[in-house]
Amino acid sequence: MDEINLFSAIAQMRKLTAQGIPFSFSHYTWDKDRNKASGLRQVDRATLRPQARGDDIDNADHKLFYQDLNVLDPKKNKRNCWQILIVSFNSIPVTPKQVFYENI
């Protein structure tokens, strides 16, 4: 089965969001403040939100900010996840393999 590396998946998410096209992905949950995981979350229709600055949110550079389009309440559909915990993008498995290691 084909797979996609994490950074290529995020780049494609950005491209689709810019075109107004929702995508699906899944990620494991992790709440660092509560030291708690809630398992695997499947997001069927999402678009990316602007990336937060590190000044505003701790570890913002390591998080993916998205809007879950299946959640109708605008106060609850703005979510984020740890990038490294993304496991699929549009049903394609995501590997954390770095882009610059692919050709070695």
C-alpha atoms as a PDB file:
ATOM      1  CA  MET A   1       0.000   0.000   0.000  1.00  0.00           C
ATOM      2  CA  ASP A   2       1.241   3.488  -0.810  1.00  0.00           C
ATOM      3  CA  GLU A   3       2.069   5.877   1.978  1.00  0.00           C
ATOM      4  CA  ILE A   4       2.864   9.570   2.209  1.00  0.00           C
ATOM      5  CA  ASN A   5       5.349  11.289   4.482  1.00  0.00           C
ATOM      6  CA  LEU A   6       4.048  13.708   7.080  1.00  0.00           C
ATOM      7  CA  PHE A   7       5.349  16.911   5.502  1.00  0.00           C
ATOM      8  CA  SER A   8       3.996  16.034   2.054  1.00  0.00           C
ATOM      9  CA  ALA A   9       0.602  15.289   3.609  1.00  0.00           C
ATOM     10  CA  ILE A  10       0.547  18.666   5.365  1.00  0.00           C
ATOM     11  CA  ALA A  11       1.607  20.418   2.143  1.00  0.00           C
ATOM     12  CA  GLN A  12      -1.296  18.748   0.312  1.00  0.00           C
ATOM     13  CA  MET A  13      -3.677  19.744   3.124  1.00  0.00           C
ATOM     14  CA  ARG A  14      -2.575  23.367   2.661  1.00  0.00           C
ATOM     15  CA  LYS A  15      -3.064  23.155  -1.099  1.00  0.00           C
ATOM     16  CA  LEU A  16      -6.556  21.660  -0.789  1.00  0.00           C
ATOM     17  CA  THR A  17      -7.534  24.240   1.840  1.00  0.00           C
ATOM     18  CA  ALA A  18      -6.386  27.074  -0.462  1.00  0.00           C
ATOM     19  CA  GLN A  19      -8.627  25.613  -3.190  1.00  0.00           C
ATOM     20  CA  GLY A  20     -11.572  25.346  -0.772  1.00  0.00           C
ATOM     21  CA  ILE A  21     -11.564  21.536  -0.932  1.00  0.00           C
ATOM     22  CA  PRO A  22     -12.062  19.633   2.349  1.00  0.00           C
ATOM     23  CA  PHE A  23      -9.947  16.569   3.117  1.00  0.00           C
ATOM     24  CA  SER A  24     -10.053  13.711   5.594  1.00  0.00           C
ATOM     25  CA  PHE A  25      -7.402  12.598   8.032  1.00  0.00           C
ATOM     26  CA  SER A  26      -6.989  10.728  11.280  1.00  0.00           C
ATOM     27  CA  HIS A  27      -4.757  11.346  14.251  1.00  0.00           C
ATOM     28  CA  TYR A  28      -4.181  10.060  17.725  1.00  0.00           C
ATOM     29  CA  THR A  29      -5.227  12.446  20.451  1.00  0.00           C
ATOM     30  CA  TRP A  30      -2.932  13.705  23.186  1.00  0.00           C
ATOM     31  CA  ASP A  31      -3.636  16.400  25.764  1.00  0.00           C
ATOM     32  CA  LYS A  32      -0.257  17.396  27.116  1.00  0.00           C
ATOM     33  CA  ASP A  33      -1.705  19.540  29.920  1.00  0.00           C
ATOM     34  CA  ARG A  34      -3.868  16.709  31.273  1.00  0.00           C
ATOM     35  CA  ASN A  35      -1.401  13.971  30.300  1.00  0.00           C
ATOM     36  CA  LYS A  36      -4.296  12.110  28.681  1.00  0.00           C
ATOM     37  CA  ALA A  37      -5.026  10.405  25.350  1.00  0.00           C
ATOM     38  CA  SER A  38      -8.481   9.652  23.957  1.00  0.00           C
ATOM     39  CA  GLY A  39      -7.520   7.285  21.155  1.00  0.00           C
ATOM     40  CA  LEU A  40      -7.809   7.721  17.417  1.00  0.00           C
ATOM     41  CA  ARG A  41      -9.893  10.582  15.998  1.00  0.00           C
ATOM     42  CA  GLN A  42     -11.203  10.335  12.432  1.00  0.00           C
ATOM     43  CA  VAL A  43     -11.925  13.707  10.823  1.00  0.00           C
ATOM     44  CA  ASP A  44     -14.007  13.200   7.687  1.00  0.00           C
ATOM     45  CA  ARG A  45     -14.203  16.801   6.429  1.00  0.00           C
ATOM     46  CA  ALA A  46     -11.564  19.334   7.438  1.00  0.00           C
ATOM     47  CA  THR A  47      -9.777  22.443   6.263  1.00  0.00           C
ATOM     48  CA  LEU A  48      -6.737  24.037   7.842  1.00  0.00           C
ATOM     49  CA  ARG A  49      -6.867  27.149   9.979  1.00  0.00           C
ATOM     50  CA  PRO A  50      -4.057  29.709  10.140  1.00  0.00           C
ATOM     51  CA  GLN A  51      -1.091  28.472  12.132  1.00  0.00           C
ATOM     52  CA  ALA A  52      -0.816  30.007  15.599  1.00  0.00           C
ATOM     53  CA  ARG A  53       2.377  31.750  16.592  1.00  0.00           C
ATOM     54  CA  GLY A  54       4.596  30.203  19.218  1.00  0.00           C
ATOM     55  CA  ASP A  55       4.016  33.324  21.325  1.00  0.00           C
ATOM     56  CA  ASP A  56       0.293  32.567  21.492  1.00  0.00           C
ATOM     57  CA  ILE A  57       0.221  28.787  22.011  1.00  0.00           C
ATOM     58  CA  ASP A  58       2.861  26.475  23.449  1.00  0.00           C
ATOM     59  CA  ASN A  59       4.439  24.148  20.871  1.00  0.00           C
ATOM     60  CA  ALA A  60       2.461  25.751  18.020  1.00  0.00           C
ATOM     61  CA  ASP A  61       5.171  24.728  15.536  1.00  0.00           C
ATOM     62  CA  HIS A  62       4.409  21.073  16.267  1.00  0.00           C
ATOM     63  CA  LYS A  63       0.630  21.311  15.961  1.00  0.00           C
ATOM     64  CA  LEU A  64      -1.794  21.254  13.044  1.00  0.00           C
ATOM     65  CA  PHE A  65      -4.686  23.711  13.385  1.00  0.00           C
ATOM     66  CA  TYR A  66      -7.830  22.642  11.585  1.00  0.00           C
ATOM     67  CA  GLN A  67     -11.570  23.147  11.363  1.00  0.00           C
ATOM     68  CA  ASP A  68     -13.782  20.057  11.585  1.00  0.00           C
ATOM     69  CA  LEU A  69     -16.538  20.821   9.069  1.00  0.00           C
ATOM     70  CA  ASN A  70     -18.811  18.086  10.465  1.00  0.00           C
ATOM     71  CA  VAL A  71     -19.070  19.931  13.791  1.00  0.00           C
ATOM     72  CA  LEU A  72     -21.687  22.627  13.289  1.00  0.00           C
ATOM     73  CA  ASP A  73     -21.027  24.626  16.470  1.00  0.00           C
ATOM     74  CA  PRO A  74     -18.410  27.257  15.504  1.00  0.00           C
ATOM     75  CA  LYS A  75     -17.149  27.304  19.097  1.00  0.00           C
ATOM     76  CA  LYS A  76     -16.333  23.584  18.959  1.00  0.00           C
ATOM     77  CA  ASN A  77     -15.168  22.984  15.389  1.00  0.00           C
ATOM     78  CA  LYS A  78     -11.785  24.716  15.738  1.00  0.00           C
ATOM     79  CA  ARG A  79      -9.346  22.009  16.752  1.00  0.00           C
ATOM     80  CA  ASN A  80      -5.674  21.165  16.725  1.00  0.00           C
ATOM     81  CA  CYS A  81      -3.550  18.051  16.905  1.00  0.00           C
ATOM     82  CA  TRP A  82       0.100  17.154  17.237  1.00  0.00           C
ATOM     83  CA  GLN A  83       1.531  16.798  13.725  1.00  0.00           C
ATOM     84  CA  ILE A  84       3.552  13.695  14.586  1.00  0.00           C
ATOM     85  CA  LEU A  85       0.333  11.893  15.653  1.00  0.00           C
ATOM     86  CA  ILE A  86      -1.272  12.147  12.199  1.00  0.00           C
ATOM     87  CA  VAL A  87      -1.659   8.612  10.847  1.00  0.00           C
ATOM     88  CA  SER A  88      -3.664   9.022   7.623  1.00  0.00           C
ATOM     89  CA  PHE A  89      -4.541  11.635   5.008  1.00  0.00           C
ATOM     90  CA  ASN A  90      -7.413  10.973   2.557  1.00  0.00           C
ATOM     91  CA  SER A  91      -7.195   7.257   3.482  1.00  0.00           C
ATOM     92  CA  ILE A  92      -3.445   7.106   2.711  1.00  0.00           C
ATOM     93  CA  PRO A  93      -1.205   6.026   5.611  1.00  0.00           C
ATOM     94  CA  VAL A  94       1.131   8.790   6.814  1.00  0.00           C
ATOM     95  CA  THR A  95       4.690   8.009   7.831  1.00  0.00           C
ATOM     96  CA  PRO A  96       6.768  10.399   9.946  1.00  0.00           C
ATOM     97  CA  LYS A  97       9.752   9.768   7.662  1.00  0.00           C
ATOM     98  CA  GLN A  98      11.508  13.039   6.919  1.00  0.00           C
ATOM     99  CA  VAL A  99      11.412  14.417   3.366  1.00  0.00           C
ATOM    100  CA  PHE A 100      15.187  14.690   3.127  1.00  0.00           C
ATOM    101  CA  TYR A 101      15.651  11.010   4.061  1.00  0.00           C
ATOM    102  CA  GLU A 102      13.356   9.637   1.344  1.00  0.00           C
ATOM    103  CA  ASN A 103      16.018   9.269  -1.323  1.00  0.00           C
ATOM    104  CA  ILE A 104      18.681   7.659   0.876  1.00  0.00           C
END
